[in-house]
């Protein structure tokens, strides 16, 4: 097997909070050949409680090989394949990075401008009202915006009124109890409710005592706000902007922010455990964790990232790729 940088994309049909960190375990191991890698991942799947798994090894020239295991729908006896569509949770944030640099390329935004230049409502840390928050800070999780309990309002469960807590295991029943009364609203309304001083759910605790740019705190809300800034500045819905600038140019035909009739047939059932399907839900903030794609489709994205790092990418300028891959902190 030729010497290469092995990139593994491992996707499982589990709800994100229960997915074991298989990828980080593999990334610390070197394999002498393809057979050794296959045997290792096979053993992980056989000893796991995952319903389905697919992984791909690729380089800048394309997919070297792919293997899939298990089922995308246990009750329907439906096999998990590299075309299976599923939610990739926080890996969705990689799209924000590319969309942000595309917006910079196109002159819609600059990384160090006050985000209030672009927003229809004001966002300011009340502990540091004279300090601006920038896109660079949002993208590096140093904006001082925190995830608090209010983030739970970003999850909308379809037909929640038809379900009851006793339909699920004890742990998930608690989650269902927390989420079942959430309303389906637009991400813009959610962000304004949370971050604007006049917002319905505004609380000073959403902001750190540290000033923007000082401390790194992982923030789903901050990431979603970065995507919304792109939307406001470009005057294009984030879903449309990413489709036009990233997915379509790369031929990612099964990648979407919302399951539709086209992708529904290949959609993987989500499970809390092997006996308990997760009820259909939608992430209102979407950009931070709501992307649906397949291993095959996302491999096209990762191949473009490899090319971009080598100065051969097409979706961004060379300067855009260089900035995106530069260490920021």
C-alpha atoms as a PDB file:
ATOM      1  CA  UNK A   1       0.000   0.000   0.000  1.00  0.00           C
ATOM      2  CA  UNK A   2       1.548   3.310  -1.048  1.00  0.00           C
ATOM      3  CA  UNK A   3       2.548   5.781   1.627  1.00  0.00           C
ATOM      4  CA  UNK A   4      -0.206   8.342   2.166  1.00  0.00           C
ATOM      5  CA  UNK A   5      -1.980  10.366   4.770  1.00  0.00           C
ATOM      6  CA  UNK A   6      -4.881   8.154   5.794  1.00  0.00           C
ATOM      7  CA  UNK A   7      -8.121  10.044   6.264  1.00  0.00           C
ATOM      8  CA  UNK A   8     -10.883   8.088   7.924  1.00  0.00           C
ATOM      9  CA  UNK A   9     -14.461   9.222   7.801  1.00  0.00           C
ATOM     10  CA  UNK A  10     -16.455   7.100  10.209  1.00  0.00           C
ATOM     11  CA  UNK A  11     -20.174   7.596  10.448  1.00  0.00           C
ATOM     12  CA  UNK A  12     -22.610   5.724  12.659  1.00  0.00           C
ATOM     13  CA  UNK A  13     -26.386   5.729  12.833  1.00  0.00           C
ATOM     14  CA  UNK A  14     -26.501   6.734  16.488  1.00  0.00           C
ATOM     15  CA  UNK A  15     -27.650   9.961  18.078  1.00  0.00           C
ATOM     16  CA  UNK A  16     -24.548  12.107  18.558  1.00  0.00           C
ATOM     17  CA  UNK A  17     -24.573  12.184  22.351  1.00  0.00           C
ATOM     18  CA  UNK A  18     -24.160   8.416  22.484  1.00  0.00           C
ATOM     19  CA  UNK A  19     -21.574   7.919  19.720  1.00  0.00           C
ATOM     20  CA  UNK A  20     -18.221   6.559  20.944  1.00  0.00           C
ATOM     21  CA  UNK A  21     -15.163   8.449  19.749  1.00  0.00           C
ATOM     22  CA  UNK A  22     -13.922   5.769  17.385  1.00  0.00           C
ATOM     23  CA  UNK A  23     -12.222   8.175  14.976  1.00  0.00           C
ATOM     24  CA  UNK A  24      -9.865   9.685  17.559  1.00  0.00           C
ATOM     25  CA  UNK A  25      -8.883   6.189  18.704  1.00  0.00           C
ATOM     26  CA  UNK A  26      -7.944   5.188  15.166  1.00  0.00           C
ATOM     27  CA  UNK A  27      -6.169   8.448  14.344  1.00  0.00           C
ATOM     28  CA  UNK A  28      -3.458   7.655  16.906  1.00  0.00           C
ATOM     29  CA  UNK A  29      -2.591   4.304  15.330  1.00  0.00           C
ATOM     30  CA  UNK A  30      -0.416   3.693  12.268  1.00  0.00           C
ATOM     31  CA  UNK A  31      -1.210   0.789   9.946  1.00  0.00           C
ATOM     32  CA  UNK A  32       1.396  -0.994   7.864  1.00  0.00           C
ATOM     33  CA  UNK A  33      -1.051  -1.903   5.129  1.00  0.00           C
ATOM     34  CA  UNK A  34      -4.705  -1.934   4.080  1.00  0.00           C
ATOM     35  CA  UNK A  35      -5.346  -5.414   5.493  1.00  0.00           C
ATOM     36  CA  UNK A  36      -4.237  -4.358   8.979  1.00  0.00           C
ATOM     37  CA  UNK A  37      -6.525  -1.327   8.893  1.00  0.00           C
ATOM     38  CA  UNK A  38      -9.506  -3.387   7.727  1.00  0.00           C
ATOM     39  CA  UNK A  39      -8.978  -5.979  10.447  1.00  0.00           C
ATOM     40  CA  UNK A  40      -8.721  -3.290  13.113  1.00  0.00           C
ATOM     41  CA  UNK A  41     -11.918  -1.466  12.158  1.00  0.00           C
ATOM     42  CA  UNK A  42     -13.727  -4.795  11.718  1.00  0.00           C
ATOM     43  CA  UNK A  43     -12.838  -5.685  15.295  1.00  0.00           C
ATOM     44  CA  UNK A  44     -14.125  -2.329  16.564  1.00  0.00           C
ATOM     45  CA  UNK A  45     -17.484  -2.842  14.900  1.00  0.00           C
ATOM     46  CA  UNK A  46     -17.849  -6.437  16.096  1.00  0.00           C
ATOM     47  CA  UNK A  47     -17.293  -5.451  19.724  1.00  0.00           C
ATOM     48  CA  UNK A  48     -19.385  -2.270  19.575  1.00  0.00           C
ATOM     49  CA  UNK A  49     -23.095  -1.693  19.971  1.00  0.00           C
ATOM     50  CA  UNK A  50     -23.316   0.297  16.754  1.00  0.00           C
ATOM     51  CA  UNK A  51     -26.194  -0.565  14.396  1.00  0.00           C
ATOM     52  CA  UNK A  52     -24.251   0.588  11.341  1.00  0.00           C
ATOM     53  CA  UNK A  53     -20.919   2.033  10.296  1.00  0.00           C
ATOM     54  CA  UNK A  54     -19.170   3.094   7.114  1.00  0.00           C
ATOM     55  CA  UNK A  55     -15.637   4.330   6.591  1.00  0.00           C
ATOM     56  CA  UNK A  56     -13.561   5.556   3.699  1.00  0.00           C
ATOM     57  CA  UNK A  57      -9.842   5.888   3.076  1.00  0.00           C
ATOM     58  CA  UNK A  58      -8.966   8.519   0.499  1.00  0.00           C
ATOM     59  CA  UNK A  59      -6.300  10.866  -0.770  1.00  0.00           C
ATOM     60  CA  UNK A  60      -6.297  13.847  -3.135  1.00  0.00           C
ATOM     61  CA  UNK A  61      -6.928  11.542  -6.098  1.00  0.00           C
ATOM     62  CA  UNK A  62     -10.106  10.001  -4.724  1.00  0.00           C
ATOM     63  CA  UNK A  63     -11.413   7.077  -2.690  1.00  0.00           C
ATOM     64  CA  UNK A  64      -8.946   4.221  -2.158  1.00  0.00           C
ATOM     65  CA  UNK A  65     -11.448   1.899  -0.542  1.00  0.00           C
ATOM     66  CA  UNK A  66     -14.641   1.903   1.486  1.00  0.00           C
ATOM     67  CA  UNK A  67     -16.191  -0.599   3.859  1.00  0.00           C
ATOM     68  CA  UNK A  68     -19.638  -0.623   5.463  1.00  0.00           C
ATOM     69  CA  UNK A  69     -21.162  -2.738   8.211  1.00  0.00           C
ATOM     70  CA  UNK A  70     -24.508  -3.374   9.846  1.00  0.00           C
ATOM     71  CA  UNK A  71     -27.846  -1.723   9.248  1.00  0.00           C
ATOM     72  CA  UNK A  72     -29.213   1.741   8.647  1.00  0.00           C
ATOM     73  CA  UNK A  73     -32.638   0.493   9.752  1.00  0.00           C
ATOM     74  CA  UNK A  74     -32.684  -2.583  11.959  1.00  0.00           C
ATOM     75  CA  UNK A  75     -36.410  -3.297  11.805  1.00  0.00           C
ATOM     76  CA  UNK A  76     -36.433  -3.014   7.999  1.00  0.00           C
ATOM     77  CA  UNK A  77     -33.249  -5.119   7.696  1.00  0.00           C
ATOM     78  CA  UNK A  78     -31.749  -2.313   5.577  1.00  0.00           C
ATOM     79  CA  UNK A  79     -27.994  -2.440   5.053  1.00  0.00           C
ATOM     80  CA  UNK A  80     -25.728   0.475   5.935  1.00  0.00           C
ATOM     81  CA  UNK A  81     -23.745   1.624   2.870  1.00  0.00           C
ATOM     82  CA  UNK A  82     -21.573   4.544   1.764  1.00  0.00           C
ATOM     83  CA  UNK A  83     -24.748   6.031   0.231  1.00  0.00           C
ATOM     84  CA  UNK A  84     -26.671   5.960   3.521  1.00  0.00           C
ATOM     85  CA  UNK A  85     -27.687   9.498   4.515  1.00  0.00           C
ATOM     86  CA  UNK A  86     -27.448  10.521   8.145  1.00  0.00           C
ATOM     87  CA  UNK A  87     -26.924  13.499  10.400  1.00  0.00           C
ATOM     88  CA  UNK A  88     -23.216  14.157  11.042  1.00  0.00           C
ATOM     89  CA  UNK A  89     -23.776  16.370  14.083  1.00  0.00           C
ATOM     90  CA  UNK A  90     -20.928  18.769  14.889  1.00  0.00           C
ATOM     91  CA  UNK A  91     -18.890  17.743  11.844  1.00  0.00           C
ATOM     92  CA  UNK A  92     -21.368  20.147  10.201  1.00  0.00           C
ATOM     93  CA  UNK A  93     -19.209  22.968  11.572  1.00  0.00           C
ATOM     94  CA  UNK A  94     -16.547  22.218   8.952  1.00  0.00           C
ATOM     95  CA  UNK A  95     -18.989  23.633   6.393  1.00  0.00           C
ATOM     96  CA  UNK A  96     -19.172  26.910   8.351  1.00  0.00           C
ATOM     97  CA  UNK A  97     -15.400  27.280   7.983  1.00  0.00           C
ATOM     98  CA  UNK A  98     -15.515  26.915   4.196  1.00  0.00           C
ATOM     99  CA  UNK A  99     -18.651  29.058   3.817  1.00  0.00           C
ATOM    100  CA  UNK A 100     -17.038  31.768   5.941  1.00  0.00           C
ATOM    101  CA  UNK A 101     -13.897  31.881   3.844  1.00  0.00           C
ATOM    102  CA  UNK A 102     -16.025  31.861   0.682  1.00  0.00           C
ATOM    103  CA  UNK A 103     -17.891  34.900   2.006  1.00  0.00           C
ATOM    104  CA  UNK A 104     -14.516  36.553   2.643  1.00  0.00           C
ATOM    105  CA  UNK A 105     -13.397  35.656  -0.902  1.00  0.00           C
ATOM    106  CA  UNK A 106     -16.541  37.229  -2.307  1.00  0.00           C
ATOM    107  CA  UNK A 107     -16.173  40.390  -0.240  1.00  0.00           C
ATOM    108  CA  UNK A 108     -19.297  39.943   1.873  1.00  0.00           C
ATOM    109  CA  UNK A 109     -17.475  39.878   5.216  1.00  0.00           C
ATOM    110  CA  UNK A 110     -14.107  40.401   6.853  1.00  0.00           C
ATOM    111  CA  UNK A 111     -12.935  38.261   9.744  1.00  0.00           C
ATOM    112  CA  UNK A 112     -12.175  41.071  12.195  1.00  0.00           C
ATOM    113  CA  UNK A 113     -15.163  43.374  11.641  1.00  0.00           C
ATOM    114  CA  UNK A 114     -17.750  43.791  14.404  1.00  0.00           C
ATOM    115  CA  UNK A 115     -20.509  41.274  13.627  1.00  0.00           C
ATOM    116  CA  UNK A 116     -23.101  43.966  14.387  1.00  0.00           C
ATOM    117  CA  UNK A 117     -22.107  45.477  11.057  1.00  0.00           C
ATOM    118  CA  UNK A 118     -24.023  42.624   9.448  1.00  0.00           C
ATOM    119  CA  UNK A 119     -26.689  41.579  11.970  1.00  0.00           C
ATOM    120  CA  UNK A 120     -30.303  42.835  12.179  1.00  0.00           C
ATOM    121  CA  UNK A 121     -30.110  42.769  16.009  1.00  0.00           C
ATOM    122  CA  UNK A 122     -27.275  43.711  18.371  1.00  0.00           C
ATOM    123  CA  UNK A 123     -25.057  41.122  20.041  1.00  0.00           C
ATOM    124  CA  UNK A 124     -22.757  42.349  22.814  1.00  0.00           C
ATOM    125  CA  UNK A 125     -21.200  40.825  25.906  1.00  0.00           C
ATOM    126  CA  UNK A 126     -22.848  42.781  28.776  1.00  0.00           C
ATOM    127  CA  UNK A 127     -19.724  42.272  30.875  1.00  0.00           C
ATOM    128  CA  UNK A 128     -17.646  44.002  28.174  1.00  0.00           C
ATOM    129  CA  UNK A 129     -20.100  46.212  26.262  1.00  0.00           C
ATOM    130  CA  UNK A 130     -17.390  48.184  24.466  1.00  0.00           C
ATOM    131  CA  UNK A 131     -15.625  45.101  23.092  1.00  0.00           C
ATOM    132  CA  UNK A 132     -16.636  43.936  19.613  1.00  0.00           C
ATOM    133  CA  UNK A 133     -17.327  40.313  18.685  1.00  0.00           C
ATOM    134  CA  UNK A 134     -15.879  39.220  15.345  1.00  0.00           C
ATOM    135  CA  UNK A 135     -16.271  36.346  12.900  1.00  0.00           C
ATOM    136  CA  UNK A 136     -12.724  35.239  13.666  1.00  0.00           C
ATOM    137  CA  UNK A 137     -13.723  34.915  17.313  1.00  0.00           C
ATOM    138  CA  UNK A 138     -16.926  33.057  16.483  1.00  0.00           C
ATOM    139  CA  UNK A 139     -15.040  30.621  14.258  1.00  0.00           C
ATOM    140  CA  UNK A 140     -12.352  29.976  16.896  1.00  0.00           C
ATOM    141  CA  UNK A 141     -14.854  29.727  19.785  1.00  0.00           C
ATOM    142  CA  UNK A 142     -13.358  32.764  21.521  1.00  0.00           C
ATOM    143  CA  UNK A 143     -16.376  35.064  21.140  1.00  0.00           C
ATOM    144  CA  UNK A 144     -17.318  34.807  24.857  1.00  0.00           C
ATOM    145  CA  UNK A 145     -20.719  33.325  23.827  1.00  0.00           C
ATOM    146  CA  UNK A 146     -21.451  30.209  25.872  1.00  0.00           C
ATOM    147  CA  UNK A 147     -23.792  27.256  25.489  1.00  0.00           C
ATOM    148  CA  UNK A 148     -26.197  27.219  28.430  1.00  0.00           C
ATOM    149  CA  UNK A 149     -29.388  25.271  29.071  1.00  0.00           C
ATOM    150  CA  UNK A 150     -31.169  27.501  26.561  1.00  0.00           C
ATOM    151  CA  UNK A 151     -29.476  25.576  23.728  1.00  0.00           C
ATOM    152  CA  UNK A 152     -31.956  22.748  24.390  1.00  0.00           C
ATOM    153  CA  UNK A 153     -34.600  24.957  22.780  1.00  0.00           C
ATOM    154  CA  UNK A 154     -32.839  24.416  19.439  1.00  0.00           C
ATOM    155  CA  UNK A 155     -34.186  20.848  19.191  1.00  0.00           C
ATOM    156  CA  UNK A 156     -37.662  20.352  17.748  1.00  0.00           C
ATOM    157  CA  UNK A 157     -39.261  16.893  17.945  1.00  0.00           C
ATOM    158  CA  UNK A 158     -41.799  16.248  15.204  1.00  0.00           C
ATOM    159  CA  UNK A 159     -45.240  15.105  16.414  1.00  0.00           C
ATOM    160  CA  UNK A 160     -44.090  15.287  20.036  1.00  0.00           C
ATOM    161  CA  UNK A 161     -47.727  15.424  21.154  1.00  0.00           C
ATOM    162  CA  UNK A 162     -48.159  11.852  19.873  1.00  0.00           C
ATOM    163  CA  UNK A 163     -45.306  10.538  22.011  1.00  0.00           C
ATOM    164  CA  UNK A 164     -44.932   9.983  25.742  1.00  0.00           C
ATOM    165  CA  UNK A 165     -41.993   9.570  28.062  1.00  0.00           C
ATOM    166  CA  UNK A 166     -42.797   5.900  28.658  1.00  0.00           C
ATOM    167  CA  UNK A 167     -42.052   5.195  24.979  1.00  0.00           C
ATOM    168  CA  UNK A 168     -38.332   5.538  25.719  1.00  0.00           C
ATOM    169  CA  UNK A 169     -35.656   4.348  28.097  1.00  0.00           C
ATOM    170  CA  UNK A 170     -35.171   6.266  31.327  1.00  0.00           C
ATOM    171  CA  UNK A 171     -32.254   8.381  30.111  1.00  0.00           C
ATOM    172  CA  UNK A 172     -33.895   9.454  26.880  1.00  0.00           C
ATOM    173  CA  UNK A 173     -37.196  10.037  28.641  1.00  0.00           C
ATOM    174  CA  UNK A 174     -35.497  12.852  30.532  1.00  0.00           C
ATOM    175  CA  UNK A 175     -34.335  14.373  27.241  1.00  0.00           C
ATOM    176  CA  UNK A 176     -37.800  14.037  25.769  1.00  0.00           C
ATOM    177  CA  UNK A 177     -39.334  15.732  28.797  1.00  0.00           C
ATOM    178  CA  UNK A 178     -36.945  18.653  28.295  1.00  0.00           C
ATOM    179  CA  UNK A 179     -37.506  19.020  24.546  1.00  0.00           C
ATOM    180  CA  UNK A 180     -41.107  17.999  23.859  1.00  0.00           C
ATOM    181  CA  UNK A 181     -42.629  21.492  24.230  1.00  0.00           C
ATOM    182  CA  UNK A 182     -40.159  23.270  21.921  1.00  0.00           C
ATOM    183  CA  UNK A 183     -41.628  25.165  18.983  1.00  0.00           C
ATOM    184  CA  UNK A 184     -40.387  24.976  15.403  1.00  0.00           C
ATOM    185  CA  UNK A 185     -38.972  28.425  14.708  1.00  0.00           C
ATOM    186  CA  UNK A 186     -36.406  29.895  12.324  1.00  0.00           C
ATOM    187  CA  UNK A 187     -32.763  30.011  13.394  1.00  0.00           C
ATOM    188  CA  UNK A 188     -32.835  33.801  13.127  1.00  0.00           C
ATOM    189  CA  UNK A 189     -35.642  33.948  15.694  1.00  0.00           C
ATOM    190  CA  UNK A 190     -33.813  31.509  17.972  1.00  0.00           C
ATOM    191  CA  UNK A 191     -30.590  33.525  17.868  1.00  0.00           C
ATOM    192  CA  UNK A 192     -32.370  36.818  18.497  1.00  0.00           C
ATOM    193  CA  UNK A 193     -34.351  35.296  21.384  1.00  0.00           C
ATOM    194  CA  UNK A 194     -31.101  34.091  22.970  1.00  0.00           C
ATOM    195  CA  UNK A 195     -28.519  36.788  22.149  1.00  0.00           C
ATOM    196  CA  UNK A 196     -30.383  40.076  21.851  1.00  0.00           C
ATOM    197  CA  UNK A 197     -30.864  42.002  25.100  1.00  0.00           C
ATOM    198  CA  UNK A 198     -34.544  42.270  24.142  1.00  0.00           C
ATOM    199  CA  UNK A 199     -34.799  38.547  23.374  1.00  0.00           C
ATOM    200  CA  UNK A 200     -37.375  36.280  24.979  1.00  0.00           C
ATOM    201  CA  UNK A 201     -34.727  33.897  26.416  1.00  0.00           C
ATOM    202  CA  UNK A 202     -31.896  36.376  26.940  1.00  0.00           C
ATOM    203  CA  UNK A 203     -29.763  35.834  30.024  1.00  0.00           C
ATOM    204  CA  UNK A 204     -26.438  37.454  30.938  1.00  0.00           C
ATOM    205  CA  UNK A 205     -25.104  33.973  31.678  1.00  0.00           C
ATOM    206  CA  UNK A 206     -24.965  33.255  27.938  1.00  0.00           C
ATOM    207  CA  UNK A 207     -21.816  35.415  27.923  1.00  0.00           C
ATOM    208  CA  UNK A 208     -18.524  34.727  29.657  1.00  0.00           C
ATOM    209  CA  UNK A 209     -17.032  37.081  32.241  1.00  0.00           C
ATOM    210  CA  UNK A 210     -13.958  37.103  30.013  1.00  0.00           C
ATOM    211  CA  UNK A 211     -13.844  39.612  27.164  1.00  0.00           C
ATOM    212  CA  UNK A 212     -14.230  38.412  23.568  1.00  0.00           C
ATOM    213  CA  UNK A 213     -10.990  37.041  22.148  1.00  0.00           C
ATOM    214  CA  UNK A 214      -9.488  36.041  25.499  1.00  0.00           C
ATOM    215  CA  UNK A 215     -10.720  32.537  26.279  1.00  0.00           C
ATOM    216  CA  UNK A 216     -11.785  29.547  24.169  1.00  0.00           C
ATOM    217  CA  UNK A 217     -15.157  27.989  25.044  1.00  0.00           C
ATOM    218  CA  UNK A 218     -16.755  25.599  22.563  1.00  0.00           C
ATOM    219  CA  UNK A 219     -20.056  27.143  21.515  1.00  0.00           C
ATOM    220  CA  UNK A 220     -22.752  25.705  19.277  1.00  0.00           C
ATOM    221  CA  UNK A 221     -24.683  28.964  19.539  1.00  0.00           C
ATOM    222  CA  UNK A 222     -21.614  30.964  18.535  1.00  0.00           C
ATOM    223  CA  UNK A 223     -21.006  28.699  15.540  1.00  0.00           C
ATOM    224  CA  UNK A 224     -24.619  29.044  14.435  1.00  0.00           C
ATOM    225  CA  UNK A 225     -24.332  32.811  14.774  1.00  0.00           C
ATOM    226  CA  UNK A 226     -21.311  32.784  12.427  1.00  0.00           C
ATOM    227  CA  UNK A 227     -23.430  31.022   9.799  1.00  0.00           C
ATOM    228  CA  UNK A 228     -26.231  33.538  10.309  1.00  0.00           C
ATOM    229  CA  UNK A 229     -23.794  36.420   9.792  1.00  0.00           C
ATOM    230  CA  UNK A 230     -22.834  34.862   6.440  1.00  0.00           C
ATOM    231  CA  UNK A 231     -26.538  34.660   5.592  1.00  0.00           C
ATOM    232  CA  UNK A 232     -27.161  38.307   6.507  1.00  0.00           C
ATOM    233  CA  UNK A 233     -24.091  39.635   4.698  1.00  0.00           C
ATOM    234  CA  UNK A 234     -24.656  37.645   1.507  1.00  0.00           C
ATOM    235  CA  UNK A 235     -28.448  38.141   1.592  1.00  0.00           C
ATOM    236  CA  UNK A 236     -28.729  34.431   0.816  1.00  0.00           C
ATOM    237  CA  UNK A 237     -30.115  31.729   3.117  1.00  0.00           C
ATOM    238  CA  UNK A 238     -27.253  29.734   4.607  1.00  0.00           C
ATOM    239  CA  UNK A 239     -28.751  26.533   3.216  1.00  0.00           C
ATOM    240  CA  UNK A 240     -28.764  28.006  -0.295  1.00  0.00           C
ATOM    241  CA  UNK A 241     -25.342  29.631   0.042  1.00  0.00           C
ATOM    242  CA  UNK A 242     -23.658  26.378   1.061  1.00  0.00           C
ATOM    243  CA  UNK A 243     -25.491  24.433  -1.642  1.00  0.00           C
ATOM    244  CA  UNK A 244     -24.501  26.914  -4.353  1.00  0.00           C
ATOM    245  CA  UNK A 245     -20.911  27.499  -3.246  1.00  0.00           C
ATOM    246  CA  UNK A 246     -19.888  24.092  -1.838  1.00  0.00           C
ATOM    247  CA  UNK A 247     -22.219  21.143  -2.355  1.00  0.00           C
ATOM    248  CA  UNK A 248     -23.155  21.666  -6.006  1.00  0.00           C
ATOM    249  CA  UNK A 249     -19.616  22.465  -7.249  1.00  0.00           C
ATOM    250  CA  UNK A 250     -18.312  19.335  -5.508  1.00  0.00           C
ATOM    251  CA  UNK A 251     -21.125  17.093  -6.759  1.00  0.00           C
ATOM    252  CA  UNK A 252     -22.462  16.427  -3.259  1.00  0.00           C
ATOM    253  CA  UNK A 253     -25.943  15.468  -4.480  1.00  0.00           C
ATOM    254  CA  UNK A 254     -27.057  13.701  -1.288  1.00  0.00           C
ATOM    255  CA  UNK A 255     -26.036  16.469   1.114  1.00  0.00           C
ATOM    256  CA  UNK A 256     -28.773  18.635   2.590  1.00  0.00           C
ATOM    257  CA  UNK A 257     -29.827  20.610   5.663  1.00  0.00           C
ATOM    258  CA  UNK A 258     -33.262  19.006   5.754  1.00  0.00           C
ATOM    259  CA  UNK A 259     -34.412  15.539   4.778  1.00  0.00           C
ATOM    260  CA  UNK A 260     -36.617  15.681   1.693  1.00  0.00           C
ATOM    261  CA  UNK A 261     -38.231  13.076  -0.569  1.00  0.00           C
ATOM    262  CA  UNK A 262     -34.975  12.721  -2.529  1.00  0.00           C
ATOM    263  CA  UNK A 263     -32.831  11.764   0.461  1.00  0.00           C
ATOM    264  CA  UNK A 264     -35.499  10.120   2.646  1.00  0.00           C
ATOM    265  CA  UNK A 265     -35.146   6.724   0.980  1.00  0.00           C
ATOM    266  CA  UNK A 266     -31.486   6.470   2.043  1.00  0.00           C
ATOM    267  CA  UNK A 267     -31.862   8.093   5.458  1.00  0.00           C
ATOM    268  CA  UNK A 268     -30.560   6.108   8.435  1.00  0.00           C
ATOM    269  CA  UNK A 269     -32.819   5.578  11.407  1.00  0.00           C
ATOM    270  CA  UNK A 270     -31.279   7.162  14.496  1.00  0.00           C
ATOM    271  CA  UNK A 271     -31.076   5.038  17.642  1.00  0.00           C
ATOM    272  CA  UNK A 272     -30.648   5.801  21.287  1.00  0.00           C
ATOM    273  CA  UNK A 273     -29.777   2.146  21.780  1.00  0.00           C
ATOM    274  CA  UNK A 274     -30.277  -0.871  19.525  1.00  0.00           C
ATOM    275  CA  UNK A 275     -33.868  -1.249  20.685  1.00  0.00           C
ATOM    276  CA  UNK A 276     -34.917   2.403  20.905  1.00  0.00           C
ATOM    277  CA  UNK A 277     -35.242   4.560  17.771  1.00  0.00           C
ATOM    278  CA  UNK A 278     -34.855   8.283  18.327  1.00  0.00           C
ATOM    279  CA  UNK A 279     -38.038  10.142  17.291  1.00  0.00           C
ATOM    280  CA  UNK A 280     -37.630  12.357  14.214  1.00  0.00           C
ATOM    281  CA  UNK A 281     -36.275  15.750  15.210  1.00  0.00           C
ATOM    282  CA  UNK A 282     -34.870  18.903  13.633  1.00  0.00           C
ATOM    283  CA  UNK A 283     -32.027  21.118  14.845  1.00  0.00           C
ATOM    284  CA  UNK A 284     -33.242  24.704  14.514  1.00  0.00           C
ATOM    285  CA  UNK A 285     -29.745  26.191  14.559  1.00  0.00           C
ATOM    286  CA  UNK A 286     -28.787  23.670  11.804  1.00  0.00           C
ATOM    287  CA  UNK A 287     -25.322  25.029  10.873  1.00  0.00           C
ATOM    288  CA  UNK A 288     -23.712  23.842  14.107  1.00  0.00           C
ATOM    289  CA  UNK A 289     -24.913  20.245  13.863  1.00  0.00           C
ATOM    290  CA  UNK A 290     -27.746  19.710  11.390  1.00  0.00           C
ATOM    291  CA  UNK A 291     -26.109  18.570   8.142  1.00  0.00           C
ATOM    292  CA  UNK A 292     -27.277  15.371   6.454  1.00  0.00           C
ATOM    293  CA  UNK A 293     -24.860  13.620   4.124  1.00  0.00           C
ATOM    294  CA  UNK A 294     -23.445  10.235   3.156  1.00  0.00           C
ATOM    295  CA  UNK A 295     -19.928   8.856   3.522  1.00  0.00           C
ATOM    296  CA  UNK A 296     -19.598   8.949  -0.263  1.00  0.00           C
ATOM    297  CA  UNK A 297     -20.705  12.597  -0.468  1.00  0.00           C
ATOM    298  CA  UNK A 298     -18.640  13.814   2.464  1.00  0.00           C
ATOM    299  CA  UNK A 299     -15.592  12.086   1.030  1.00  0.00           C
ATOM    300  CA  UNK A 300     -15.857  14.516  -1.904  1.00  0.00           C
ATOM    301  CA  UNK A 301     -15.729  17.388   0.584  1.00  0.00           C
ATOM    302  CA  UNK A 302     -12.725  15.912   2.399  1.00  0.00           C
ATOM    303  CA  UNK A 303     -10.924  15.307  -0.893  1.00  0.00           C
ATOM    304  CA  UNK A 304     -11.405  19.009  -1.716  1.00  0.00           C
ATOM    305  CA  UNK A 305      -9.963  19.924   1.686  1.00  0.00           C
ATOM    306  CA  UNK A 306      -6.850  17.835   0.970  1.00  0.00           C
ATOM    307  CA  UNK A 307      -6.494  19.554  -2.403  1.00  0.00           C
ATOM    308  CA  UNK A 308      -7.042  22.954  -0.828  1.00  0.00           C
ATOM    309  CA  UNK A 309      -4.290  22.391   1.726  1.00  0.00           C
ATOM    310  CA  UNK A 310      -1.991  21.497  -1.181  1.00  0.00           C
ATOM    311  CA  UNK A 311      -2.909  24.623  -3.144  1.00  0.00           C
ATOM    312  CA  UNK A 312      -5.048  22.718  -5.645  1.00  0.00           C
ATOM    313  CA  UNK A 313      -8.562  23.475  -4.311  1.00  0.00           C
ATOM    314  CA  UNK A 314     -11.389  24.996  -6.345  1.00  0.00           C
ATOM    315  CA  UNK A 315     -14.131  26.125  -3.943  1.00  0.00           C
ATOM    316  CA  UNK A 316     -11.935  28.786  -2.296  1.00  0.00           C
ATOM    317  CA  UNK A 317      -9.103  31.021  -3.369  1.00  0.00           C
ATOM    318  CA  UNK A 318      -5.579  29.930  -2.421  1.00  0.00           C
ATOM    319  CA  UNK A 319      -5.567  32.737   0.158  1.00  0.00           C
ATOM    320  CA  UNK A 320      -8.881  31.516   1.539  1.00  0.00           C
ATOM    321  CA  UNK A 321      -7.596  27.977   2.001  1.00  0.00           C
ATOM    322  CA  UNK A 322      -4.343  29.252   3.507  1.00  0.00           C
ATOM    323  CA  UNK A 323      -6.186  31.359   6.086  1.00  0.00           C
ATOM    324  CA  UNK A 324      -8.577  28.530   6.927  1.00  0.00           C
ATOM    325  CA  UNK A 325      -5.751  26.053   7.525  1.00  0.00           C
ATOM    326  CA  UNK A 326      -3.609  28.504   9.510  1.00  0.00           C
ATOM    327  CA  UNK A 327      -3.357  28.113  13.275  1.00  0.00           C
ATOM    328  CA  UNK A 328      -5.470  30.896  14.784  1.00  0.00           C
ATOM    329  CA  UNK A 329      -4.889  30.467  18.521  1.00  0.00           C
END
